[in-house]
Each structure stands twice: as structure tokens, then as C-alpha cells.
Amino acid sequence: LRLDGWDVTFLGASVPSAHLVSYLHRHDPRAVLLACALPMRLPQ
């Protein structure tokens, strides 16, 4: 995405939801992309 011109912030592994929400409030990005590798974590 960065190579495609987007101004990307990668927050890395295991970001607690409360901290992620606080970050989104502060920076108001166009979108947030969330990654999930294991289906067992779908409820979370």
C-alpha cells in the first residue's frame, strides 16, 4: 500500500483494541485494515 502511494501506519502485532481505538480517534485515517490469521479468533 505504501508503494502504491498511501500514507501507511503499520501498528504491528497484537494491538489491544482500546489502544487501536485511541489511535484512530487521534489520527482519523481514511480506513483501518485489520488482519486475522486464525478463524478461531473471529469472535475477537
All heavy atoms as atom14 arrays in JSON, in Angstrom:
{
  "sequence": "LRLDGWDVTFLGASVPSAHLVSYLHRHDPRAVLLACALPMRLPQ",
  "atom14_mask": [
    [1, 1, 1, 1, 1, 1, 1, 1, 0, 0, 0, 0, 0, 0],
    [1, 1, 1, 1, 1, 1, 1, 1, 1, 1, 1, 0, 0, 0],
    [1, 1, 1, 1, 1, 1, 1, 1, 0, 0, 0, 0, 0, 0],
    [1, 1, 1, 1, 1, 1, 1, 1, 0, 0, 0, 0, 0, 0],
    [1, 1, 1, 1, 0, 0, 0, 0, 0, 0, 0, 0, 0, 0],
    [1, 1, 1, 1, 1, 1, 1, 1, 1, 1, 1, 1, 1, 1],
    [1, 1, 1, 1, 1, 1, 1, 1, 0, 0, 0, 0, 0, 0],
    [1, 1, 1, 1, 1, 1, 1, 0, 0, 0, 0, 0, 0, 0],
    [1, 1, 1, 1, 1, 1, 1, 0, 0, 0, 0, 0, 0, 0],
    [1, 1, 1, 1, 1, 1, 1, 1, 1, 1, 1, 0, 0, 0],
    [1, 1, 1, 1, 1, 1, 1, 1, 0, 0, 0, 0, 0, 0],
    [1, 1, 1, 1, 0, 0, 0, 0, 0, 0, 0, 0, 0, 0],
    [1, 1, 1, 1, 1, 0, 0, 0, 0, 0, 0, 0, 0, 0],
    [1, 1, 1, 1, 1, 1, 0, 0, 0, 0, 0, 0, 0, 0],
    [1, 1, 1, 1, 1, 1, 1, 0, 0, 0, 0, 0, 0, 0],
    [1, 1, 1, 1, 1, 1, 1, 0, 0, 0, 0, 0, 0, 0],
    [1, 1, 1, 1, 1, 1, 0, 0, 0, 0, 0, 0, 0, 0],
    [1, 1, 1, 1, 1, 0, 0, 0, 0, 0, 0, 0, 0, 0],
    [1, 1, 1, 1, 1, 1, 1, 1, 1, 1, 0, 0, 0, 0],
    [1, 1, 1, 1, 1, 1, 1, 1, 0, 0, 0, 0, 0, 0],
    [1, 1, 1, 1, 1, 1, 1, 0, 0, 0, 0, 0, 0, 0],
    [1, 1, 1, 1, 1, 1, 0, 0, 0, 0, 0, 0, 0, 0],
    [1, 1, 1, 1, 1, 1, 1, 1, 1, 1, 1, 1, 0, 0],
    [1, 1, 1, 1, 1, 1, 1, 1, 0, 0, 0, 0, 0, 0],
    [1, 1, 1, 1, 1, 1, 1, 1, 1, 1, 0, 0, 0, 0],
    [1, 1, 1, 1, 1, 1, 1, 1, 1, 1, 1, 0, 0, 0],
    [1, 1, 1, 1, 1, 1, 1, 1, 1, 1, 0, 0, 0, 0],
    [1, 1, 1, 1, 1, 1, 1, 1, 0, 0, 0, 0, 0, 0],
    [1, 1, 1, 1, 1, 1, 1, 0, 0, 0, 0, 0, 0, 0],
    [1, 1, 1, 1, 1, 1, 1, 1, 1, 1, 1, 0, 0, 0],
    [1, 1, 1, 1, 1, 0, 0, 0, 0, 0, 0, 0, 0, 0],
    [1, 1, 1, 1, 1, 1, 1, 0, 0, 0, 0, 0, 0, 0],
    [1, 1, 1, 1, 1, 1, 1, 1, 0, 0, 0, 0, 0, 0],
    [1, 1, 1, 1, 1, 1, 1, 1, 0, 0, 0, 0, 0, 0],
    [1, 1, 1, 1, 1, 0, 0, 0, 0, 0, 0, 0, 0, 0],
    [1, 1, 1, 1, 1, 1, 0, 0, 0, 0, 0, 0, 0, 0],
    [1, 1, 1, 1, 1, 0, 0, 0, 0, 0, 0, 0, 0, 0],
    [1, 1, 1, 1, 1, 1, 1, 1, 0, 0, 0, 0, 0, 0],
    [1, 1, 1, 1, 1, 1, 1, 0, 0, 0, 0, 0, 0, 0],
    [1, 1, 1, 1, 1, 1, 1, 1, 0, 0, 0, 0, 0, 0],
    [1, 1, 1, 1, 1, 1, 1, 1, 1, 1, 1, 0, 0, 0],
    [1, 1, 1, 1, 1, 1, 1, 1, 0, 0, 0, 0, 0, 0],
    [1, 1, 1, 1, 1, 1, 1, 0, 0, 0, 0, 0, 0, 0],
    [1, 1, 1, 1, 1, 1, 1, 1, 1, 0, 0, 0, 0, 0]
  ],
  "atom14_positions": [
    [[0.83, -1.2, 0.0], [0.0, 0.0, 0.0], [0.87, 1.26, 0.0], [0.56, 2.25, -0.69], [-0.93, 0.0, 1.22], [-2.06, -1.02, 1.21], [-2.82, -0.97, 2.53], [-3.01, -0.79, 0.05], [0.0, 0.0, 0.0], [0.0, 0.0, 0.0], [0.0, 0.0, 0.0], [0.0, 0.0, 0.0], [0.0, 0.0, 0.0], [0.0, 0.0, 0.0]],
    [[1.96, 1.22, 0.74], [2.87, 2.37, 0.76], [3.48, 2.6, -0.63], [3.61, 3.74, -1.09], [3.97, 2.13, 1.8], [4.92, 3.32, 1.97], [5.93, 3.08, 3.08], [5.27, 3.16, 4.38], [5.12, 2.15, 5.22], [5.57, 0.95, 4.89], [4.52, 2.32, 6.38], [0.0, 0.0, 0.0], [0.0, 0.0, 0.0], [0.0, 0.0, 0.0]],
    [[3.85, 1.51, -1.28], [4.4, 1.63, -2.63], [3.36, 2.18, -3.6], [3.72, 2.8, -4.62], [4.88, 0.25, -3.11], [6.11, -0.31, -2.4], [6.3, -1.79, -2.76], [7.36, 0.49, -2.76], [0.0, 0.0, 0.0], [0.0, 0.0, 0.0], [0.0, 0.0, 0.0], [0.0, 0.0, 0.0], [0.0, 0.0, 0.0], [0.0, 0.0, 0.0]],
    [[2.1, 1.96, -3.29], [1.01, 2.45, -4.14], [0.61, 3.88, -3.81], [-0.38, 4.38, -4.33], [-0.2, 1.52, -3.99], [-1.09, 1.52, -5.23], [-0.61, 1.91, -6.3], [-2.27, 1.14, -5.1], [0.0, 0.0, 0.0], [0.0, 0.0, 0.0], [0.0, 0.0, 0.0], [0.0, 0.0, 0.0], [0.0, 0.0, 0.0], [0.0, 0.0, 0.0]],
    [[1.38, 4.52, -2.93], [1.16, 5.94, -2.65], [0.41, 6.26, -1.39], [0.26, 7.44, -1.03], [0.0, 0.0, 0.0], [0.0, 0.0, 0.0], [0.0, 0.0, 0.0], [0.0, 0.0, 0.0], [0.0, 0.0, 0.0], [0.0, 0.0, 0.0], [0.0, 0.0, 0.0], [0.0, 0.0, 0.0], [0.0, 0.0, 0.0], [0.0, 0.0, 0.0]],
    [[-0.08, 5.24, -0.68], [-0.84, 5.51, 0.54], [0.11, 5.89, 1.68], [1.24, 5.41, 1.75], [-1.66, 4.28, 0.94], [-2.7, 3.92, -0.06], [-2.63, 2.95, -1.02], [-3.98, 4.54, -0.24], [-3.77, 2.92, -1.78], [-4.62, 3.89, -1.33], [-4.65, 5.58, 0.41], [-5.89, 4.24, -1.76], [-5.91, 5.93, -0.04], [-6.52, 5.28, -1.1]],
    [[-0.36, 6.74, 2.56], [0.39, 7.13, 3.76], [0.05, 6.12, 4.85], [-0.96, 6.27, 5.55], [-0.01, 8.56, 4.18], [0.8, 9.06, 5.35], [1.71, 8.36, 5.8], [0.5, 10.18, 5.82], [0.0, 0.0, 0.0], [0.0, 0.0, 0.0], [0.0, 0.0, 0.0], [0.0, 0.0, 0.0], [0.0, 0.0, 0.0], [0.0, 0.0, 0.0]],
    [[0.87, 5.09, 4.99], [0.53, 3.92, 5.79], [1.21, 3.95, 7.15], [2.42, 4.21, 7.26], [0.92, 2.62, 5.07], [0.54, 1.4, 5.9], [0.26, 2.55, 3.7], [0.0, 0.0, 0.0], [0.0, 0.0, 0.0], [0.0, 0.0, 0.0], [0.0, 0.0, 0.0], [0.0, 0.0, 0.0], [0.0, 0.0, 0.0], [0.0, 0.0, 0.0]],
    [[0.43, 3.67, 8.18], [0.96, 3.42, 9.51], [0.69, 1.96, 9.85], [-0.47, 1.54, 9.92], [0.3, 4.32, 10.56], [0.54, 5.69, 10.22], [0.87, 4.03, 11.94], [0.0, 0.0, 0.0], [0.0, 0.0, 0.0], [0.0, 0.0, 0.0], [0.0, 0.0, 0.0], [0.0, 0.0, 0.0], [0.0, 0.0, 0.0], [0.0, 0.0, 0.0]],
    [[1.76, 1.2, 10.05], [1.63, -0.21, 10.42], [1.88, -0.33, 11.92], [2.96, -0.01, 12.42], [2.63, -1.06, 9.65], [2.58, -2.52, 10.02], [1.39, -3.23, 9.95], [3.73, -3.18, 10.42], [1.35, -4.57, 10.29], [3.7, -4.52, 10.76], [2.5, -5.22, 10.69], [0.0, 0.0, 0.0], [0.0, 0.0, 0.0], [0.0, 0.0, 0.0]],
    [[0.87, -0.77, 12.65], [0.96, -0.83, 14.11], [1.5, -2.15, 14.63], [1.72, -2.29, 15.83], [-0.42, -0.55, 14.73], [-1.03, 0.81, 14.4], [-2.35, 0.97, 15.14], [-0.08, 1.94, 14.75], [0.0, 0.0, 0.0], [0.0, 0.0, 0.0], [0.0, 0.0, 0.0], [0.0, 0.0, 0.0], [0.0, 0.0, 0.0], [0.0, 0.0, 0.0]],
    [[1.7, -3.12, 13.74], [2.36, -4.36, 14.15], [1.43, -5.38, 14.76], [0.21, -5.34, 14.61], [0.0, 0.0, 0.0], [0.0, 0.0, 0.0], [0.0, 0.0, 0.0], [0.0, 0.0, 0.0], [0.0, 0.0, 0.0], [0.0, 0.0, 0.0], [0.0, 0.0, 0.0], [0.0, 0.0, 0.0], [0.0, 0.0, 0.0], [0.0, 0.0, 0.0]],
    [[2.05, -6.33, 15.46], [1.33, -7.48, 16.01], [0.58, -7.12, 17.28], [0.98, -6.22, 18.04], [2.3, -8.62, 16.29], [0.0, 0.0, 0.0], [0.0, 0.0, 0.0], [0.0, 0.0, 0.0], [0.0, 0.0, 0.0], [0.0, 0.0, 0.0], [0.0, 0.0, 0.0], [0.0, 0.0, 0.0], [0.0, 0.0, 0.0], [0.0, 0.0, 0.0]],
    [[-0.52, -7.83, 17.52], [-1.26, -7.82, 18.79], [-1.49, -6.42, 19.34], [-0.92, -6.04, 20.36], [-0.52, -8.68, 19.83], [-1.32, -8.86, 20.98], [0.0, 0.0, 0.0], [0.0, 0.0, 0.0], [0.0, 0.0, 0.0], [0.0, 0.0, 0.0], [0.0, 0.0, 0.0], [0.0, 0.0, 0.0], [0.0, 0.0, 0.0], [0.0, 0.0, 0.0]],
    [[-2.36, -5.66, 18.68], [-2.68, -4.31, 19.14], [-3.96, -4.37, 19.97], [-5.03, -4.73, 19.45], [-2.88, -3.36, 17.94], [-3.16, -1.94, 18.44], [-1.66, -3.38, 17.04], [0.0, 0.0, 0.0], [0.0, 0.0, 0.0], [0.0, 0.0, 0.0], [0.0, 0.0, 0.0], [0.0, 0.0, 0.0], [0.0, 0.0, 0.0], [0.0, 0.0, 0.0]],
    [[-3.9, -4.04, 21.26], [-5.12, -4.04, 22.07], [-6.17, -3.09, 21.48], [-5.85, -1.99, 21.02], [-4.64, -3.55, 23.44], [-3.18, -3.89, 23.47], [-2.71, -3.7, 22.04], [0.0, 0.0, 0.0], [0.0, 0.0, 0.0], [0.0, 0.0, 0.0], [0.0, 0.0, 0.0], [0.0, 0.0, 0.0], [0.0, 0.0, 0.0], [0.0, 0.0, 0.0]],
    [[-7.42, -3.52, 21.48], [-8.48, -2.75, 20.82], [-8.6, -1.34, 21.39], [-8.81, -0.38, 20.64], [-9.81, -3.49, 20.95], [-9.79, -4.7, 20.22], [0.0, 0.0, 0.0], [0.0, 0.0, 0.0], [0.0, 0.0, 0.0], [0.0, 0.0, 0.0], [0.0, 0.0, 0.0], [0.0, 0.0, 0.0], [0.0, 0.0, 0.0], [0.0, 0.0, 0.0]],
    [[-8.47, -1.2, 22.7], [-8.61, 0.13, 23.31], [-7.53, 1.08, 22.8], [-7.79, 2.26, 22.53], [-8.54, 0.02, 24.83], [0.0, 0.0, 0.0], [0.0, 0.0, 0.0], [0.0, 0.0, 0.0], [0.0, 0.0, 0.0], [0.0, 0.0, 0.0], [0.0, 0.0, 0.0], [0.0, 0.0, 0.0], [0.0, 0.0, 0.0], [0.0, 0.0, 0.0]],
    [[-6.32, 0.58, 22.65], [-5.22, 1.41, 22.15], [-5.41, 1.72, 20.67], [-5.1, 2.83, 20.22], [-3.88, 0.7, 22.38], [-3.55, 0.52, 23.82], [-2.65, 1.33, 24.5], [-4.01, -0.37, 24.74], [-2.56, 0.94, 25.77], [-3.38, -0.09, 25.93], [0.0, 0.0, 0.0], [0.0, 0.0, 0.0], [0.0, 0.0, 0.0], [0.0, 0.0, 0.0]],
    [[-5.92, 0.74, 19.91], [-6.18, 0.98, 18.5], [-7.25, 2.05, 18.32], [-7.11, 2.97, 17.5], [-6.62, -0.32, 17.83], [-7.05, -0.24, 16.36], [-5.93, 0.32, 15.49], [-7.49, -1.61, 15.86], [0.0, 0.0, 0.0], [0.0, 0.0, 0.0], [0.0, 0.0, 0.0], [0.0, 0.0, 0.0], [0.0, 0.0, 0.0], [0.0, 0.0, 0.0]],
    [[-8.31, 1.96, 19.09], [-9.39, 2.94, 19.0], [-8.87, 4.33, 19.35], [-9.2, 5.32, 18.67], [-10.55, 2.54, 19.93], [-11.52, 3.69, 20.12], [-11.28, 1.32, 19.36], [0.0, 0.0, 0.0], [0.0, 0.0, 0.0], [0.0, 0.0, 0.0], [0.0, 0.0, 0.0], [0.0, 0.0, 0.0], [0.0, 0.0, 0.0], [0.0, 0.0, 0.0]],
    [[-8.07, 4.43, 20.38], [-7.49, 5.72, 20.75], [-6.65, 6.29, 19.62], [-6.71, 7.51, 19.32], [-6.63, 5.55, 22.01], [-6.0, 6.77, 22.36], [0.0, 0.0, 0.0], [0.0, 0.0, 0.0], [0.0, 0.0, 0.0], [0.0, 0.0, 0.0], [0.0, 0.0, 0.0], [0.0, 0.0, 0.0], [0.0, 0.0, 0.0], [0.0, 0.0, 0.0]],
    [[-5.89, 5.43, 18.95], [-5.06, 5.88, 17.84], [-5.91, 6.38, 16.68], [-5.61, 7.4, 16.05], [-4.16, 4.74, 17.38], [-3.06, 5.16, 16.44], [-1.82, 5.57, 16.93], [-3.25, 5.17, 15.06], [-0.81, 5.98, 16.07], [-2.25, 5.58, 14.2], [-1.03, 5.98, 14.71], [-0.04, 6.4, 13.86], [0.0, 0.0, 0.0], [0.0, 0.0, 0.0]],
    [[-7.01, 5.67, 16.39], [-7.89, 6.09, 15.3], [-8.54, 7.43, 15.6], [-8.68, 8.28, 14.72], [-8.96, 5.02, 15.05], [-8.45, 3.64, 14.6], [-9.62, 2.7, 14.4], [-7.62, 3.75, 13.33], [0.0, 0.0, 0.0], [0.0, 0.0, 0.0], [0.0, 0.0, 0.0], [0.0, 0.0, 0.0], [0.0, 0.0, 0.0], [0.0, 0.0, 0.0]],
    [[-8.95, 7.62, 16.85], [-9.54, 8.91, 17.23], [-8.53, 10.04, 17.01], [-8.89, 11.14, 16.55], [-9.95, 8.88, 18.7], [-11.31, 8.3, 18.92], [-12.45, 8.81, 18.35], [-11.7, 7.23, 19.68], [-13.5, 8.1, 18.73], [-13.08, 7.14, 19.53], [0.0, 0.0, 0.0], [0.0, 0.0, 0.0], [0.0, 0.0, 0.0], [0.0, 0.0, 0.0]],
    [[-7.28, 9.78, 17.32], [-6.26, 10.83, 17.26], [-5.9, 11.19, 15.81], [-5.7, 12.36, 15.48], [-5.01, 10.38, 18.0], [-3.89, 11.4, 17.98], [-2.69, 10.94, 18.8], [-1.62, 11.91, 18.76], [-0.44, 11.76, 19.34], [-0.21, 10.65, 20.05], [0.49, 12.68, 19.24], [0.0, 0.0, 0.0], [0.0, 0.0, 0.0], [0.0, 0.0, 0.0]],
    [[-5.82, 10.17, 14.93], [-5.28, 10.42, 13.59], [-6.34, 10.4, 12.49], [-6.05, 10.85, 11.37], [-4.2, 9.38, 13.28], [-2.98, 9.52, 14.15], [-2.03, 10.49, 13.95], [-2.59, 8.81, 15.24], [-1.08, 10.37, 14.88], [-1.4, 9.37, 15.66], [0.0, 0.0, 0.0], [0.0, 0.0, 0.0], [0.0, 0.0, 0.0], [0.0, 0.0, 0.0]],
    [[-7.53, 9.9, 12.75], [-8.65, 9.94, 11.81], [-8.24, 9.52, 10.4], [-8.34, 10.3, 9.44], [-9.25, 11.35, 11.78], [-10.59, 11.38, 11.03], [-11.26, 10.33, 11.0], [-10.92, 12.44, 10.46], [0.0, 0.0, 0.0], [0.0, 0.0, 0.0], [0.0, 0.0, 0.0], [0.0, 0.0, 0.0], [0.0, 0.0, 0.0], [0.0, 0.0, 0.0]],
    [[-7.77, 8.26, 10.22], [-7.35, 7.82, 8.89], [-8.54, 7.58, 7.96], [-9.7, 7.55, 8.4], [-6.63, 6.5, 9.2], [-7.33, 5.98, 10.41], [-7.66, 7.2, 11.23], [0.0, 0.0, 0.0], [0.0, 0.0, 0.0], [0.0, 0.0, 0.0], [0.0, 0.0, 0.0], [0.0, 0.0, 0.0], [0.0, 0.0, 0.0], [0.0, 0.0, 0.0]],
    [[-8.23, 7.38, 6.69], [-9.3, 7.06, 5.73], [-9.91, 5.71, 6.05], [-11.13, 5.52, 5.88], [-8.73, 7.04, 4.31], [-9.72, 6.51, 3.26], [-9.23, 6.73, 1.85], [-10.05, 6.05, 0.85], [-11.25, 6.46, 0.47], [-11.78, 7.55, 1.0], [-11.93, 5.79, -0.44], [0.0, 0.0, 0.0], [0.0, 0.0, 0.0], [0.0, 0.0, 0.0]],
    [[-9.1, 4.77, 6.51], [-9.61, 3.44, 6.83], [-8.6, 2.73, 7.72], [-7.43, 3.1, 7.79], [-9.86, 2.62, 5.56], [0.0, 0.0, 0.0], [0.0, 0.0, 0.0], [0.0, 0.0, 0.0], [0.0, 0.0, 0.0], [0.0, 0.0, 0.0], [0.0, 0.0, 0.0], [0.0, 0.0, 0.0], [0.0, 0.0, 0.0], [0.0, 0.0, 0.0]],
    [[-9.07, 1.69, 8.38], [-8.2, 0.8, 9.15], [-8.36, -0.6, 8.6], [-9.48, -1.06, 8.33], [-8.52, 0.85, 10.67], [-9.97, 0.5, 10.96], [-7.59, -0.09, 11.44], [0.0, 0.0, 0.0], [0.0, 0.0, 0.0], [0.0, 0.0, 0.0], [0.0, 0.0, 0.0], [0.0, 0.0, 0.0], [0.0, 0.0, 0.0], [0.0, 0.0, 0.0]],
    [[-7.24, -1.28, 8.37], [-7.22, -2.65, 7.89], [-6.82, -3.57, 9.04], [-5.74, -3.39, 9.62], [-6.24, -2.83, 6.73], [-6.68, -2.38, 5.34], [-6.82, -0.86, 5.28], [-5.71, -2.85, 4.28], [0.0, 0.0, 0.0], [0.0, 0.0, 0.0], [0.0, 0.0, 0.0], [0.0, 0.0, 0.0], [0.0, 0.0, 0.0], [0.0, 0.0, 0.0]],
    [[-7.67, -4.52, 9.36], [-7.41, -5.45, 10.46], [-7.1, -6.83, 9.91], [-7.81, -7.34, 9.03], [-8.63, -5.53, 11.39], [-9.05, -4.23, 12.07], [-10.27, -4.47, 12.95], [-7.9, -3.65, 12.9], [0.0, 0.0, 0.0], [0.0, 0.0, 0.0], [0.0, 0.0, 0.0], [0.0, 0.0, 0.0], [0.0, 0.0, 0.0], [0.0, 0.0, 0.0]],
    [[-6.04, -7.44, 10.45], [-5.6, -8.76, 9.98], [-5.92, -9.83, 11.01], [-5.77, -9.62, 12.21], [-4.09, -8.73, 9.72], [0.0, 0.0, 0.0], [0.0, 0.0, 0.0], [0.0, 0.0, 0.0], [0.0, 0.0, 0.0], [0.0, 0.0, 0.0], [0.0, 0.0, 0.0], [0.0, 0.0, 0.0], [0.0, 0.0, 0.0], [0.0, 0.0, 0.0]],
    [[-6.37, -10.98, 10.49], [-6.66, -12.13, 11.35], [-6.21, -13.39, 10.6], [-6.69, -13.65, 9.5], [-8.14, -12.2, 11.68], [-8.63, -13.63, 12.68], [0.0, 0.0, 0.0], [0.0, 0.0, 0.0], [0.0, 0.0, 0.0], [0.0, 0.0, 0.0], [0.0, 0.0, 0.0], [0.0, 0.0, 0.0], [0.0, 0.0, 0.0], [0.0, 0.0, 0.0]],
    [[-5.31, -14.15, 11.19], [-4.76, -15.34, 10.53], [-5.49, -16.62, 10.9], [-5.41, -17.59, 10.16], [-3.27, -15.49, 10.86], [0.0, 0.0, 0.0], [0.0, 0.0, 0.0], [0.0, 0.0, 0.0], [0.0, 0.0, 0.0], [0.0, 0.0, 0.0], [0.0, 0.0, 0.0], [0.0, 0.0, 0.0], [0.0, 0.0, 0.0], [0.0, 0.0, 0.0]],
    [[-6.19, -16.63, 12.03], [-6.78, -17.87, 12.53], [-8.29, -17.71, 12.68], [-8.76, -16.82, 13.41], [-6.17, -18.24, 13.88], [-4.66, -18.44, 13.89], [-4.17, -18.66, 15.32], [-4.26, -19.6, 13.0], [0.0, 0.0, 0.0], [0.0, 0.0, 0.0], [0.0, 0.0, 0.0], [0.0, 0.0, 0.0], [0.0, 0.0, 0.0], [0.0, 0.0, 0.0]],
    [[-9.08, -18.56, 12.03], [-10.54, -18.46, 12.15], [-11.04, -18.57, 13.59], [-12.1, -18.02, 13.91], [-11.05, -19.63, 11.3], [-9.97, -19.87, 10.31], [-8.69, -19.6, 11.04], [0.0, 0.0, 0.0], [0.0, 0.0, 0.0], [0.0, 0.0, 0.0], [0.0, 0.0, 0.0], [0.0, 0.0, 0.0], [0.0, 0.0, 0.0], [0.0, 0.0, 0.0]],
    [[-10.32, -19.27, 14.45], [-10.77, -19.4, 15.84], [-10.83, -18.05, 16.55], [-11.45, -17.93, 17.6], [-9.86, -20.36, 16.61], [-8.47, -19.85, 16.89], [-7.47, -21.02, 17.85], [-7.19, -22.3, 16.66], [0.0, 0.0, 0.0], [0.0, 0.0, 0.0], [0.0, 0.0, 0.0], [0.0, 0.0, 0.0], [0.0, 0.0, 0.0], [0.0, 0.0, 0.0]],
    [[-10.23, -17.03, 15.97], [-10.22, -15.71, 16.59], [-11.28, -14.77, 16.01], [-11.28, -13.57, 16.27], [-8.83, -15.07, 16.44], [-7.74, -15.84, 17.18], [-6.47, -15.04, 17.31], [-6.69, -13.76, 17.96], [-6.82, -13.59, 19.28], [-6.77, -14.63, 20.08], [-7.03, -12.39, 19.78], [0.0, 0.0, 0.0], [0.0, 0.0, 0.0], [0.0, 0.0, 0.0]],
    [[-12.21, -15.32, 15.24], [-13.25, -14.48, 14.64], [-14.11, -13.75, 15.68], [-14.48, -12.58, 15.46], [-14.13, -15.31, 13.71], [-13.49, -15.68, 12.37], [-14.38, -16.63, 11.6], [-13.2, -14.43, 11.54], [0.0, 0.0, 0.0], [0.0, 0.0, 0.0], [0.0, 0.0, 0.0], [0.0, 0.0, 0.0], [0.0, 0.0, 0.0], [0.0, 0.0, 0.0]],
    [[-14.49, -14.38, 16.8], [-15.27, -13.61, 17.79], [-14.52, -12.38, 18.29], [-15.1, -11.3, 18.43], [-15.52, -14.64, 18.9], [-15.46, -15.96, 18.2], [-14.4, -15.81, 17.17], [0.0, 0.0, 0.0], [0.0, 0.0, 0.0], [0.0, 0.0, 0.0], [0.0, 0.0, 0.0], [0.0, 0.0, 0.0], [0.0, 0.0, 0.0], [0.0, 0.0, 0.0]],
    [[-13.22, -12.54, 18.57], [-12.42, -11.39, 19.0], [-12.3, -10.37, 17.87], [-12.31, -9.16, 18.11], [-11.03, -11.86, 19.43], [-11.03, -12.74, 20.67], [-11.15, -14.22, 20.34], [-11.74, -14.61, 19.32], [-10.6, -15.06, 21.2], [0.0, 0.0, 0.0], [0.0, 0.0, 0.0], [0.0, 0.0, 0.0], [0.0, 0.0, 0.0], [0.0, 0.0, 0.0]]
  ]
}
